[in-house]
Every structure is written in structure tokens, then in C-alpha cells.
Amino acid sequence: MKIPGSDAVDNNKPRANEQTTVRRSSAEGLAEHLRPQNNSAQSKADSIKVSSLGSFLQSELNPAKMAEERAQKIAALKEQVRNGTYAPATEDVARSIGEELYLEIALAGDQKE
């Protein structure tokens, strides 16, 4: 700590050239860290482990599988309509119509504001 009127130097305060050195060495360290290494430890292939839940989700959320399942459901519904056996639950139909109307009204209100 420097006492006013004295020539003592504050040893706790870093000097300007020390700050520059710290910044430079940090930047050099970052550049060194990002530089590709050719040592044997890093030449080994990276690997990951996927949990059983992750494996399950990956298999269930597969876009190709989902598209196939959707196509099968649509084909089954088309067949029911052709045969005259398609009979959706009236409560479900009413709920869907109500939801669609609600969304249309809500979106129309947002556009006016």
C-alpha cells in the first residue's frame, strides 16, 4: 500500500507490463489448446456411451420409423372410410372443432392488435 507523500511502491498492484504478459500468455495458452495435436493420446478415436434411455429414445424417435407408423395409421383410416366402418368419437370431433375455433379467434385477435 502506498502512503501519500512517500516513495513506497504498492507491491500488490500489478504493473501494466505484467497485465499485458498475463493476457498474452492466456491467449497463447488458448491458441495452444486449440491447436491440433499429433500425440498418440489424441490420435485414438473418441467414443461415447449412450444410456439405455438414450438408446430407447433414439430408436423410438427415429424419423423414418415415425413416418412409417404414420403412413400405416393413415392407410388404416383410409380403409375404414372406404369400408364405411370409420366412426370417430363425437366428443373427440367436437373437442377438435372447438380447439380449431379457439385458435382461429385467438390468432385473429392477435393480428388486430
PDB file of N, CA and C in Angstrom:
ATOM      1  N   MET A   1       0.843  -1.174   0.000  1.00  0.00           N
ATOM      2  CA  MET A   1       0.000   0.000   0.000  1.00  0.00           C
ATOM      3  C   MET A   1       0.887   1.236   0.000  1.00  0.00           C
ATOM      4  N   LYS A   2       0.531   2.203  -0.810  1.00  0.00           N
ATOM      5  CA  LYS A   2       1.325   3.422  -0.905  1.00  0.00           C
ATOM      6  C   LYS A   2       0.757   4.465   0.038  1.00  0.00           C
ATOM      7  N   ILE A   3       1.619   5.039   0.830  1.00  0.00           N
ATOM      8  CA  ILE A   3       1.220   6.077   1.754  1.00  0.00           C
ATOM      9  C   ILE A   3       1.434   7.407   1.055  1.00  0.00           C
ATOM     10  N   PRO A   4       0.422   8.277   1.074  1.00  0.00           N
ATOM     11  CA  PRO A   4       0.582   9.581   0.410  1.00  0.00           C
ATOM     12  C   PRO A   4       1.818  10.309   0.928  1.00  0.00           C
ATOM     13  N   GLY A   5       2.563  10.836  -0.015  1.00  0.00           N
ATOM     14  CA  GLY A   5       3.769  11.574   0.335  1.00  0.00           C
ATOM     15  C   GLY A   5       4.992  10.702   0.455  1.00  0.00           C
ATOM     16  N   SER A   6       4.852   9.392   0.325  1.00  0.00           N
ATOM     17  CA  SER A   6       6.026   8.528   0.416  1.00  0.00           C
ATOM     18  C   SER A   6       6.364   8.004  -0.967  1.00  0.00           C
ATOM     19  N   ASP A   7       7.561   7.475  -1.094  1.00  0.00           N
ATOM     20  CA  ASP A   7       8.004   6.939  -2.369  1.00  0.00           C
ATOM     21  C   ASP A   7       7.863   5.423  -2.417  1.00  0.00           C
ATOM     22  N   ALA A   8       7.122   4.844  -1.476  1.00  0.00           N
ATOM     23  CA  ALA A   8       6.967   3.387  -1.433  1.00  0.00           C
ATOM     24  C   ALA A   8       6.103   2.925  -2.603  1.00  0.00           C
ATOM     25  N   VAL A   9       6.415   1.757  -3.098  1.00  0.00           N
ATOM     26  CA  VAL A   9       5.688   1.195  -4.234  1.00  0.00           C
ATOM     27  C   VAL A   9       4.681   0.197  -3.704  1.00  0.00           C
ATOM     28  N   ASP A  10       3.475   0.217  -4.264  1.00  0.00           N
ATOM     29  CA  ASP A  10       2.449  -0.746  -3.884  1.00  0.00           C
ATOM     30  C   ASP A  10       2.756  -2.063  -4.579  1.00  0.00           C
ATOM     31  N   ASN A  11       3.210  -3.064  -3.832  1.00  0.00           N
ATOM     32  CA  ASN A  11       3.598  -4.347  -4.411  1.00  0.00           C
ATOM     33  C   ASN A  11       2.411  -5.235  -4.754  1.00  0.00           C
ATOM     34  N   ASN A  12       1.226  -4.916  -4.241  1.00  0.00           N
ATOM     35  CA  ASN A  12       0.037  -5.726  -4.522  1.00  0.00           C
ATOM     36  C   ASN A  12      -0.617  -5.365  -5.848  1.00  0.00           C
ATOM     37  N   LYS A  13      -0.331  -4.179  -6.340  1.00  0.00           N
ATOM     38  CA  LYS A  13      -0.942  -3.727  -7.586  1.00  0.00           C
ATOM     39  C   LYS A  13      -0.099  -4.188  -8.767  1.00  0.00           C
ATOM     40  N   PRO A  14      -0.688  -4.915  -9.738  1.00  0.00           N
ATOM     41  CA  PRO A  14       0.104  -5.361 -10.885  1.00  0.00           C
ATOM     42  C   PRO A  14       0.510  -4.187 -11.762  1.00  0.00           C
ATOM     43  N   ARG A  15       1.703  -4.280 -12.305  1.00  0.00           N
ATOM     44  CA  ARG A  15       2.183  -3.242 -13.212  1.00  0.00           C
ATOM     45  C   ARG A  15       1.592  -3.466 -14.595  1.00  0.00           C
ATOM     46  N   ALA A  16       1.555  -2.430 -15.406  1.00  0.00           N
ATOM     47  CA  ALA A  16       0.937  -2.507 -16.732  1.00  0.00           C
ATOM     48  C   ALA A  16       1.567  -3.594 -17.579  1.00  0.00           C
ATOM     49  N   ASN A  17       2.883  -3.713 -17.566  1.00  0.00           N
ATOM     50  CA  ASN A  17       3.531  -4.731 -18.394  1.00  0.00           C
ATOM     51  C   ASN A  17       3.239  -6.138 -17.885  1.00  0.00           C
ATOM     52  N   GLU A  18       2.964  -6.304 -16.594  1.00  0.00           N
ATOM     53  CA  GLU A  18       2.586  -7.620 -16.065  1.00  0.00           C
ATOM     54  C   GLU A  18       1.201  -8.028 -16.558  1.00  0.00           C
ATOM     55  N   GLN A  19       0.266  -7.082 -16.608  1.00  0.00           N
ATOM     56  CA  GLN A  19      -1.077  -7.386 -17.103  1.00  0.00           C
ATOM     57  C   GLN A  19      -1.004  -7.825 -18.563  1.00  0.00           C
ATOM     58  N   THR A  20      -0.193  -7.138 -19.353  1.00  0.00           N
ATOM     59  CA  THR A  20      -0.036  -7.493 -20.752  1.00  0.00           C
ATOM     60  C   THR A  20       0.533  -8.900 -20.885  1.00  0.00           C
ATOM     61  N   THR A  21       1.494  -9.212 -20.035  1.00  0.00           N
ATOM     62  CA  THR A  21       2.096 -10.545 -20.066  1.00  0.00           C
ATOM     63  C   THR A  21       1.055 -11.606 -19.734  1.00  0.00           C
ATOM     64  N   VAL A  22       0.215 -11.350 -18.751  1.00  0.00           N
ATOM     65  CA  VAL A  22      -0.821 -12.306 -18.373  1.00  0.00           C
ATOM     66  C   VAL A  22      -1.789 -12.502 -19.525  1.00  0.00           C
ATOM     67  N   ARG A  23      -2.226 -11.414 -20.123  1.00  0.00           N
ATOM     68  CA  ARG A  23      -3.158 -11.526 -21.243  1.00  0.00           C
ATOM     69  C   ARG A  23      -2.517 -12.290 -22.397  1.00  0.00           C
ATOM     70  N   ARG A  24      -1.278 -11.981 -22.703  1.00  0.00           N
ATOM     71  CA  ARG A  24      -0.608 -12.639 -23.809  1.00  0.00           C
ATOM     72  C   ARG A  24      -0.461 -14.129 -23.530  1.00  0.00           C
ATOM     73  N   SER A  25      -0.049 -14.468 -22.296  1.00  0.00           N
ATOM     74  CA  SER A  25       0.136 -15.883 -22.007  1.00  0.00           C
ATOM     75  C   SER A  25      -1.205 -16.619 -22.010  1.00  0.00           C
ATOM     76  N   SER A  26      -2.288 -15.971 -21.601  1.00  0.00           N
ATOM     77  CA  SER A  26      -3.608 -16.603 -21.663  1.00  0.00           C
ATOM     78  C   SER A  26      -4.009 -16.846 -23.102  1.00  0.00           C
ATOM     79  N   ALA A  27      -3.779 -15.868 -23.968  1.00  0.00           N
ATOM     80  CA  ALA A  27      -4.109 -16.023 -25.383  1.00  0.00           C
ATOM     81  C   ALA A  27      -3.252 -17.103 -26.020  1.00  0.00           C
ATOM     82  N   GLU A  28      -1.967 -17.131 -25.658  1.00  0.00           N
ATOM     83  CA  GLU A  28      -1.096 -18.166 -26.203  1.00  0.00           C
ATOM     84  C   GLU A  28      -1.518 -19.545 -25.711  1.00  0.00           C
ATOM     85  N   GLY A  29      -1.928 -19.629 -24.436  1.00  0.00           N
ATOM     86  CA  GLY A  29      -2.395 -20.898 -23.892  1.00  0.00           C
ATOM     87  C   GLY A  29      -3.652 -21.382 -24.600  1.00  0.00           C
ATOM     88  N   LEU A  30      -4.572 -20.451 -24.901  1.00  0.00           N
ATOM     89  CA  LEU A  30      -5.793 -20.808 -25.619  1.00  0.00           C
ATOM     90  C   LEU A  30      -5.455 -21.277 -27.023  1.00  0.00           C
ATOM     91  N   ALA A  31      -4.564 -20.567 -27.692  1.00  0.00           N
ATOM     92  CA  ALA A  31      -4.170 -20.965 -29.041  1.00  0.00           C
ATOM     93  C   ALA A  31      -3.508 -22.335 -29.020  1.00  0.00           C
ATOM     94  N   GLU A  32      -2.689 -22.584 -28.014  1.00  0.00           N
ATOM     95  CA  GLU A  32      -2.033 -23.883 -27.891  1.00  0.00           C
ATOM     96  C   GLU A  32      -3.057 -24.984 -27.648  1.00  0.00           C
ATOM     97  N   HIS A  33      -4.060 -24.673 -26.832  1.00  0.00           N
ATOM     98  CA  HIS A  33      -5.110 -25.648 -26.527  1.00  0.00           C
ATOM     99  C   HIS A  33      -5.933 -25.980 -27.775  1.00  0.00           C
ATOM    100  N   LEU A  34      -6.177 -24.992 -28.609  1.00  0.00           N
ATOM    101  CA  LEU A  34      -6.994 -25.203 -29.806  1.00  0.00           C
ATOM    102  C   LEU A  34      -6.215 -25.804 -30.974  1.00  0.00           C
ATOM    103  N   ARG A  35      -4.898 -25.731 -30.925  1.00  0.00           N
ATOM    104  CA  ARG A  35      -4.064 -26.249 -31.994  1.00  0.00           C
ATOM    105  C   ARG A  35      -4.144 -27.771 -32.024  1.00  0.00           C
ATOM    106  N   PRO A  36      -4.324 -28.364 -33.205  1.00  0.00           N
ATOM    107  CA  PRO A  36      -4.406 -29.829 -33.272  1.00  0.00           C
ATOM    108  C   PRO A  36      -3.120 -30.473 -32.779  1.00  0.00           C
ATOM    109  N   GLN A  37      -3.251 -31.545 -32.036  1.00  0.00           N
ATOM    110  CA  GLN A  37      -2.104 -32.261 -31.501  1.00  0.00           C
ATOM    111  C   GLN A  37      -1.942 -33.574 -32.263  1.00  0.00           C
ATOM    112  N   ASN A  38      -0.730 -33.993 -32.410  1.00  0.00           N
ATOM    113  CA  ASN A  38      -0.458 -35.245 -33.113  1.00  0.00           C
ATOM    114  C   ASN A  38       0.091 -36.325 -32.188  1.00  0.00           C
ATOM    115  N   ASN A  39      -0.139 -36.174 -30.888  1.00  0.00           N
ATOM    116  CA  ASN A  39       0.390 -37.198 -29.994  1.00  0.00           C
ATOM    117  C   ASN A  39      -0.524 -38.419 -29.988  1.00  0.00           C
ATOM    118  N   SER A  40      -0.023 -39.514 -29.484  1.00  0.00           N
ATOM    119  CA  SER A  40      -0.748 -40.778 -29.559  1.00  0.00           C
ATOM    120  C   SER A  40      -2.020 -40.769 -28.727  1.00  0.00           C
ATOM    121  N   ALA A  41      -2.069 -40.016 -27.629  1.00  0.00           N
ATOM    122  CA  ALA A  41      -3.269 -39.990 -26.791  1.00  0.00           C
ATOM    123  C   ALA A  41      -4.451 -39.387 -27.537  1.00  0.00           C
ATOM    124  N   GLN A  42      -4.203 -38.351 -28.355  1.00  0.00           N
ATOM    125  CA  GLN A  42      -5.301 -37.716 -29.063  1.00  0.00           C
ATOM    126  C   GLN A  42      -5.580 -38.363 -30.410  1.00  0.00           C
ATOM    127  N   SER A  43      -4.706 -39.233 -30.878  1.00  0.00           N
ATOM    128  CA  SER A  43      -4.960 -39.865 -32.164  1.00  0.00           C
ATOM    129  C   SER A  43      -5.946 -41.021 -32.033  1.00  0.00           C
ATOM    130  N   LYS A  44      -6.216 -41.463 -30.793  1.00  0.00           N
ATOM    131  CA  LYS A  44      -7.207 -42.509 -30.583  1.00  0.00           C
ATOM    132  C   LYS A  44      -8.598 -41.946 -30.889  1.00  0.00           C
ATOM    133  N   ALA A  45      -9.454 -42.800 -31.387  1.00  0.00           N
ATOM    134  CA  ALA A  45     -10.811 -42.366 -31.735  1.00  0.00           C
ATOM    135  C   ALA A  45     -11.586 -42.024 -30.466  1.00  0.00           C
ATOM    136  N   ASP A  46     -12.379 -40.958 -30.536  1.00  0.00           N
ATOM    137  CA  ASP A  46     -13.250 -40.601 -29.427  1.00  0.00           C
ATOM    138  C   ASP A  46     -14.394 -41.597 -29.365  1.00  0.00           C
ATOM    139  N   SER A  47     -14.919 -41.791 -28.181  1.00  0.00           N
ATOM    140  CA  SER A  47     -16.059 -42.687 -28.049  1.00  0.00           C
ATOM    141  C   SER A  47     -17.024 -42.117 -27.029  1.00  0.00           C
ATOM    142  N   ILE A  48     -18.286 -42.486 -27.167  1.00  0.00           N
ATOM    143  CA  ILE A  48     -19.301 -42.069 -26.218  1.00  0.00           C
ATOM    144  C   ILE A  48     -20.114 -43.281 -25.814  1.00  0.00           C
ATOM    145  N   LYS A  49     -20.728 -43.187 -24.654  1.00  0.00           N
ATOM    146  CA  LYS A  49     -21.627 -44.224 -24.185  1.00  0.00           C
ATOM    147  C   LYS A  49     -23.023 -43.624 -24.139  1.00  0.00           C
ATOM    148  N   VAL A  50     -23.992 -44.335 -24.667  1.00  0.00           N
ATOM    149  CA  VAL A  50     -25.365 -43.874 -24.648  1.00  0.00           C
ATOM    150  C   VAL A  50     -26.122 -44.720 -23.637  1.00  0.00           C
ATOM    151  N   SER A  51     -26.861 -44.059 -22.761  1.00  0.00           N
ATOM    152  CA  SER A  51     -27.616 -44.793 -21.752  1.00  0.00           C
ATOM    153  C   SER A  51     -28.730 -45.597 -22.407  1.00  0.00           C
ATOM    154  N   SER A  52     -29.301 -46.514 -21.642  1.00  0.00           N
ATOM    155  CA  SER A  52     -30.400 -47.321 -22.183  1.00  0.00           C
ATOM    156  C   SER A  52     -31.588 -46.434 -22.531  1.00  0.00           C
ATOM    157  N   LEU A  53     -31.834 -45.386 -21.742  1.00  0.00           N
ATOM    158  CA  LEU A  53     -32.916 -44.452 -22.066  1.00  0.00           C
ATOM    159  C   LEU A  53     -32.615 -43.727 -23.373  1.00  0.00           C
ATOM    160  N   GLY A  54     -31.369 -43.312 -23.534  1.00  0.00           N
ATOM    161  CA  GLY A  54     -30.975 -42.642 -24.774  1.00  0.00           C
ATOM    162  C   GLY A  54     -31.137 -43.547 -25.977  1.00  0.00           C
ATOM    163  N   SER A  55     -30.756 -44.801 -25.832  1.00  0.00           N
ATOM    164  CA  SER A  55     -30.920 -45.762 -26.922  1.00  0.00           C
ATOM    165  C   SER A  55     -32.387 -45.959 -27.261  1.00  0.00           C
ATOM    166  N   PHE A  56     -33.218 -46.060 -26.218  1.00  0.00           N
ATOM    167  CA  PHE A  56     -34.658 -46.226 -26.431  1.00  0.00           C
ATOM    168  C   PHE A  56     -35.238 -45.023 -27.168  1.00  0.00           C
ATOM    169  N   LEU A  57     -34.903 -43.821 -26.705  1.00  0.00           N
ATOM    170  CA  LEU A  57     -35.423 -42.611 -27.341  1.00  0.00           C
ATOM    171  C   LEU A  57     -34.941 -42.492 -28.780  1.00  0.00           C
ATOM    172  N   GLN A  58     -33.686 -42.853 -29.003  1.00  0.00           N
ATOM    173  CA  GLN A  58     -33.151 -42.784 -30.355  1.00  0.00           C
ATOM    174  C   GLN A  58     -33.911 -43.714 -31.284  1.00  0.00           C
ATOM    175  N   SER A  59     -34.232 -44.905 -30.803  1.00  0.00           N
ATOM    176  CA  SER A  59     -34.954 -45.850 -31.655  1.00  0.00           C
ATOM    177  C   SER A  59     -36.411 -45.439 -31.834  1.00  0.00           C
ATOM    178  N   GLU A  60     -37.024 -44.894 -30.792  1.00  0.00           N
ATOM    179  CA  GLU A  60     -38.441 -44.528 -30.874  1.00  0.00           C
ATOM    180  C   GLU A  60     -38.662 -43.221 -31.628  1.00  0.00           C
ATOM    181  N   LEU A  61     -37.721 -42.325 -31.561  1.00  0.00           N
ATOM    182  CA  LEU A  61     -37.878 -41.024 -32.210  1.00  0.00           C
ATOM    183  C   LEU A  61     -37.201 -40.968 -33.570  1.00  0.00           C
ATOM    184  N   ASN A  62     -36.984 -42.107 -34.146  1.00  0.00           N
ATOM    185  CA  ASN A  62     -36.372 -42.206 -35.464  1.00  0.00           C
ATOM    186  C   ASN A  62     -37.355 -41.661 -36.502  1.00  0.00           C
ATOM    187  N   PRO A  63     -36.995 -40.617 -37.238  1.00  0.00           N
ATOM    188  CA  PRO A  63     -37.924 -40.029 -38.200  1.00  0.00           C
ATOM    189  C   PRO A  63     -38.447 -41.031 -39.228  1.00  0.00           C
ATOM    190  N   ALA A  64     -37.614 -41.928 -39.688  1.00  0.00           N
ATOM    191  CA  ALA A  64     -38.068 -42.914 -40.680  1.00  0.00           C
ATOM    192  C   ALA A  64     -39.109 -43.842 -40.060  1.00  0.00           C
ATOM    193  N   LYS A  65     -38.870 -44.252 -38.819  1.00  0.00           N
ATOM    194  CA  LYS A  65     -39.821 -45.124 -38.131  1.00  0.00           C
ATOM    195  C   LYS A  65     -41.137 -44.392 -37.886  1.00  0.00           C
ATOM    196  N   MET A  66     -41.049 -43.133 -37.479  1.00  0.00           N
ATOM    197  CA  MET A  66     -42.255 -42.343 -37.221  1.00  0.00           C
ATOM    198  C   MET A  66     -43.050 -42.146 -38.503  1.00  0.00           C
ATOM    199  N   ALA A  67     -42.378 -41.899 -39.610  1.00  0.00           N
ATOM    200  CA  ALA A  67     -43.061 -41.713 -40.890  1.00  0.00           C
ATOM    201  C   ALA A  67     -43.759 -43.002 -41.317  1.00  0.00           C
ATOM    202  N   GLU A  68     -43.103 -44.126 -41.091  1.00  0.00           N
ATOM    203  CA  GLU A  68     -43.699 -45.418 -41.448  1.00  0.00           C
ATOM    204  C   GLU A  68     -44.938 -45.689 -40.608  1.00  0.00           C
ATOM    205  N   GLU A  69     -44.856 -45.434 -39.296  1.00  0.00           N
ATOM    206  CA  GLU A  69     -46.005 -45.643 -38.420  1.00  0.00           C
ATOM    207  C   GLU A  69     -47.167 -44.730 -38.806  1.00  0.00           C
ATOM    208  N   ARG A  70     -46.861 -43.494 -39.142  1.00  0.00           N
ATOM    209  CA  ARG A  70     -47.911 -42.546 -39.558  1.00  0.00           C
ATOM    210  C   ARG A  70     -48.561 -43.018 -40.850  1.00  0.00           C
ATOM    211  N   ALA A  71     -47.763 -43.491 -41.790  1.00  0.00           N
ATOM    212  CA  ALA A  71     -48.310 -43.988 -43.065  1.00  0.00           C
ATOM    213  C   ALA A  71     -49.227 -45.185 -42.826  1.00  0.00           C
ATOM    214  N   GLN A  72     -48.849 -46.059 -41.881  1.00  0.00           N
ATOM    215  CA  GLN A  72     -49.689 -47.215 -41.565  1.00  0.00           C
ATOM    216  C   GLN A  72     -51.016 -46.782 -40.950  1.00  0.00           C
ATOM    217  N   LYS A  73     -50.998 -45.802 -40.058  1.00  0.00           N
ATOM    218  CA  LYS A  73     -52.226 -45.297 -39.443  1.00  0.00           C
ATOM    219  C   LYS A  73     -53.144 -44.665 -40.489  1.00  0.00           C
ATOM    220  N   ILE A  74     -52.557 -43.893 -41.388  1.00  0.00           N
ATOM    221  CA  ILE A  74     -53.350 -43.237 -42.441  1.00  0.00           C
ATOM    222  C   ILE A  74     -53.968 -44.287 -43.351  1.00  0.00           C
ATOM    223  N   ALA A  75     -53.195 -45.300 -43.707  1.00  0.00           N
ATOM    224  CA  ALA A  75     -53.723 -46.370 -44.567  1.00  0.00           C
ATOM    225  C   ALA A  75     -54.886 -47.083 -43.885  1.00  0.00           C
ATOM    226  N   ALA A  76     -54.771 -47.334 -42.581  1.00  0.00           N
ATOM    227  CA  ALA A  76     -55.843 -47.991 -41.836  1.00  0.00           C
ATOM    228  C   ALA A  76     -57.092 -47.112 -41.800  1.00  0.00           C
ATOM    229  N   LEU A  77     -56.921 -45.811 -41.590  1.00  0.00           N
ATOM    230  CA  LEU A  77     -58.076 -44.902 -41.583  1.00  0.00           C
ATOM    231  C   LEU A  77     -58.737 -44.831 -42.959  1.00  0.00           C
ATOM    232  N   LYS A  78     -57.943 -44.790 -44.018  1.00  0.00           N
ATOM    233  CA  LYS A  78     -58.493 -44.765 -45.376  1.00  0.00           C
ATOM    234  C   LYS A  78     -59.314 -46.021 -45.650  1.00  0.00           C
ATOM    235  N   GLU A  79     -58.813 -47.137 -45.182  1.00  0.00           N
ATOM    236  CA  GLU A  79     -59.528 -48.403 -45.363  1.00  0.00           C
ATOM    237  C   GLU A  79     -60.856 -48.383 -44.617  1.00  0.00           C
ATOM    238  N   GLN A  80     -60.864 -47.850 -43.406  1.00  0.00           N
ATOM    239  CA  GLN A  80     -62.102 -47.748 -42.632  1.00  0.00           C
ATOM    240  C   GLN A  80     -63.120 -46.847 -43.328  1.00  0.00           C
ATOM    241  N   VAL A  81     -62.641 -45.734 -43.891  1.00  0.00           N
ATOM    242  CA  VAL A  81     -63.543 -44.822 -44.605  1.00  0.00           C
ATOM    243  C   VAL A  81     -64.112 -45.526 -45.828  1.00  0.00           C
ATOM    244  N   ARG A  82     -63.299 -46.236 -46.590  1.00  0.00           N
ATOM    245  CA  ARG A  82     -63.751 -46.974 -47.778  1.00  0.00           C
ATOM    246  C   ARG A  82     -64.801 -48.031 -47.422  1.00  0.00           C
ATOM    247  N   ASN A  83     -64.577 -48.712 -46.307  1.00  0.00           N
ATOM    248  CA  ASN A  83     -65.496 -49.770 -45.893  1.00  0.00           C
ATOM    249  C   ASN A  83     -66.737 -49.239 -45.190  1.00  0.00           C
ATOM    250  N   GLY A  84     -66.740 -47.954 -44.831  1.00  0.00           N
ATOM    251  CA  GLY A  84     -67.869 -47.387 -44.100  1.00  0.00           C
ATOM    252  C   GLY A  84     -67.840 -47.729 -42.620  1.00  0.00           C
ATOM    253  N   THR A  85     -66.697 -48.158 -42.126  1.00  0.00           N
ATOM    254  CA  THR A  85     -66.596 -48.529 -40.715  1.00  0.00           C
ATOM    255  C   THR A  85     -65.915 -47.454 -39.869  1.00  0.00           C
ATOM    256  N   TYR A  86     -65.565 -46.349 -40.478  1.00  0.00           N
ATOM    257  CA  TYR A  86     -64.905 -45.280 -39.725  1.00  0.00           C
ATOM    258  C   TYR A  86     -65.947 -44.550 -38.895  1.00  0.00           C
ATOM    259  N   ALA A  87     -65.794 -44.571 -37.592  1.00  0.00           N
ATOM    260  CA  ALA A  87     -66.736 -43.919 -36.689  1.00  0.00           C
ATOM    261  C   ALA A  87     -65.960 -43.238 -35.567  1.00  0.00           C
ATOM    262  N   PRO A  88     -65.515 -42.003 -35.796  1.00  0.00           N
ATOM    263  CA  PRO A  88     -64.766 -41.306 -34.744  1.00  0.00           C
ATOM    264  C   PRO A  88     -65.686 -40.968 -33.574  1.00  0.00           C
ATOM    265  N   ALA A  89     -65.116 -40.847 -32.398  1.00  0.00           N
ATOM    266  CA  ALA A  89     -65.894 -40.469 -31.211  1.00  0.00           C
ATOM    267  C   ALA A  89     -66.370 -39.031 -31.372  1.00  0.00           C
ATOM    268  N   THR A  90     -67.682 -38.838 -31.201  1.00  0.00           N
ATOM    269  CA  THR A  90     -68.248 -37.497 -31.400  1.00  0.00           C
ATOM    270  C   THR A  90     -67.651 -36.476 -30.434  1.00  0.00           C
ATOM    271  N   GLU A  91     -67.306 -36.917 -29.220  1.00  0.00           N
ATOM    272  CA  GLU A  91     -66.698 -35.998 -28.248  1.00  0.00           C
ATOM    273  C   GLU A  91     -65.338 -35.506 -28.749  1.00  0.00           C
ATOM    274  N   ASP A  92     -64.567 -36.390 -29.344  1.00  0.00           N
ATOM    275  CA  ASP A  92     -63.257 -36.013 -29.881  1.00  0.00           C
ATOM    276  C   ASP A  92     -63.393 -35.041 -31.040  1.00  0.00           C
ATOM    277  N   VAL A  93     -64.382 -35.292 -31.901  1.00  0.00           N
ATOM    278  CA  VAL A  93     -64.608 -34.397 -33.043  1.00  0.00           C
ATOM    279  C   VAL A  93     -65.014 -33.021 -32.539  1.00  0.00           C
ATOM    280  N   ALA A  94     -65.934 -32.975 -31.586  1.00  0.00           N
ATOM    281  CA  ALA A  94     -66.383 -31.694 -31.032  1.00  0.00           C
ATOM    282  C   ALA A  94     -65.225 -30.944 -30.375  1.00  0.00           C
ATOM    283  N   ARG A  95     -64.395 -31.670 -29.627  1.00  0.00           N
ATOM    284  CA  ARG A  95     -63.248 -31.042 -28.966  1.00  0.00           C
ATOM    285  C   ARG A  95     -62.288 -30.455 -29.999  1.00  0.00           C
ATOM    286  N   SER A  96     -62.024 -31.188 -31.068  1.00  0.00           N
ATOM    287  CA  SER A  96     -61.115 -30.697 -32.118  1.00  0.00           C
ATOM    288  C   SER A  96     -61.667 -29.461 -32.797  1.00  0.00           C
ATOM    289  N   ILE A  97     -62.970 -29.479 -33.084  1.00  0.00           N
ATOM    290  CA  ILE A  97     -63.592 -28.300 -33.717  1.00  0.00           C
ATOM    291  C   ILE A  97     -63.488 -27.102 -32.782  1.00  0.00           C
ATOM    292  N   GLY A  98     -63.759 -27.313 -31.499  1.00  0.00           N
ATOM    293  CA  GLY A  98     -63.666 -26.228 -30.523  1.00  0.00           C
ATOM    294  C   GLY A  98     -62.257 -25.672 -30.424  1.00  0.00           C
ATOM    295  N   GLU A  99     -61.269 -26.549 -30.430  1.00  0.00           N
ATOM    296  CA  GLU A  99     -59.870 -26.100 -30.364  1.00  0.00           C
ATOM    297  C   GLU A  99     -59.500 -25.292 -31.600  1.00  0.00           C
ATOM    298  N   GLU A 100     -59.935 -25.750 -32.760  1.00  0.00           N
ATOM    299  CA  GLU A 100     -59.635 -25.023 -34.005  1.00  0.00           C
ATOM    300  C   GLU A 100     -60.274 -23.643 -33.995  1.00  0.00           C
ATOM    301  N   LEU A 101     -61.542 -23.565 -33.566  1.00  0.00           N
ATOM    302  CA  LEU A 101     -62.222 -22.271 -33.493  1.00  0.00           C
ATOM    303  C   LEU A 101     -61.535 -21.344 -32.503  1.00  0.00           C
ATOM    304  N   TYR A 102     -61.159 -21.886 -31.368  1.00  0.00           N
ATOM    305  CA  TYR A 102     -60.473 -21.087 -30.355  1.00  0.00           C
ATOM    306  C   TYR A 102     -59.174 -20.519 -30.916  1.00  0.00           C
ATOM    307  N   LEU A 103     -58.401 -21.355 -31.601  1.00  0.00           N
ATOM    308  CA  LEU A 103     -57.132 -20.888 -32.174  1.00  0.00           C
ATOM    309  C   LEU A 103     -57.354 -19.821 -33.242  1.00  0.00           C
ATOM    310  N   GLU A 104     -58.374 -20.017 -34.074  1.00  0.00           N
ATOM    311  CA  GLU A 104     -58.664 -19.015 -35.115  1.00  0.00           C
ATOM    312  C   GLU A 104     -59.049 -17.684 -34.499  1.00  0.00           C
ATOM    313  N   ILE A 105     -59.873 -17.715 -33.463  1.00  0.00           N
ATOM    314  CA  ILE A 105     -60.291 -16.475 -32.793  1.00  0.00           C
ATOM    315  C   ILE A 105     -59.100 -15.827 -32.099  1.00  0.00           C
ATOM    316  N   ALA A 106     -58.285 -16.625 -31.422  1.00  0.00           N
ATOM    317  CA  ALA A 106     -57.122 -16.085 -30.716  1.00  0.00           C
ATOM    318  C   ALA A 106     -56.138 -15.464 -31.699  1.00  0.00           C
ATOM    319  N   LEU A 107     -55.888 -16.127 -32.822  1.00  0.00           N
ATOM    320  CA  LEU A 107     -54.956 -15.580 -33.814  1.00  0.00           C
ATOM    321  C   LEU A 107     -55.510 -14.343 -34.477  1.00  0.00           C
ATOM    322  N   ALA A 108     -56.816 -14.306 -34.724  1.00  0.00           N
ATOM    323  CA  ALA A 108     -57.438 -13.123 -35.332  1.00  0.00           C
ATOM    324  C   ALA A 108     -57.321 -11.938 -34.375  1.00  0.00           C
ATOM    325  N   GLY A 109     -57.474 -12.177 -33.089  1.00  0.00           N
ATOM    326  CA  GLY A 109     -57.336 -11.113 -32.083  1.00  0.00           C
ATOM    327  C   GLY A 109     -55.928 -10.586 -32.009  1.00  0.00           C
ATOM    328  N   ASP A 110     -54.929 -11.462 -32.155  1.00  0.00           N
ATOM    329  CA  ASP A 110     -53.532 -11.043 -32.120  1.00  0.00           C
ATOM    330  C   ASP A 110     -53.177 -10.193 -33.335  1.00  0.00           C
ATOM    331  N   GLN A 111     -53.787 -10.479 -34.480  1.00  0.00           N
ATOM    332  CA  GLN A 111     -53.477  -9.727 -35.699  1.00  0.00           C
ATOM    333  C   GLN A 111     -54.068  -8.338 -35.677  1.00  0.00           C
ATOM    334  N   LYS A 112     -55.167  -8.116 -34.950  1.00  0.00           N
ATOM    335  CA  LYS A 112     -55.802  -6.802 -34.881  1.00  0.00           C
ATOM    336  C   LYS A 112     -55.006  -5.836 -34.020  1.00  0.00           C
ATOM    337  N   GLU A 113     -54.296  -6.364 -33.024  1.00  0.00           N
ATOM    338  CA  GLU A 113     -53.559  -5.501 -32.097  1.00  0.00           C
ATOM    339  C   GLU A 113     -52.294  -4.980 -32.655  1.00  0.00           C
TER     340      GLU A 113
END
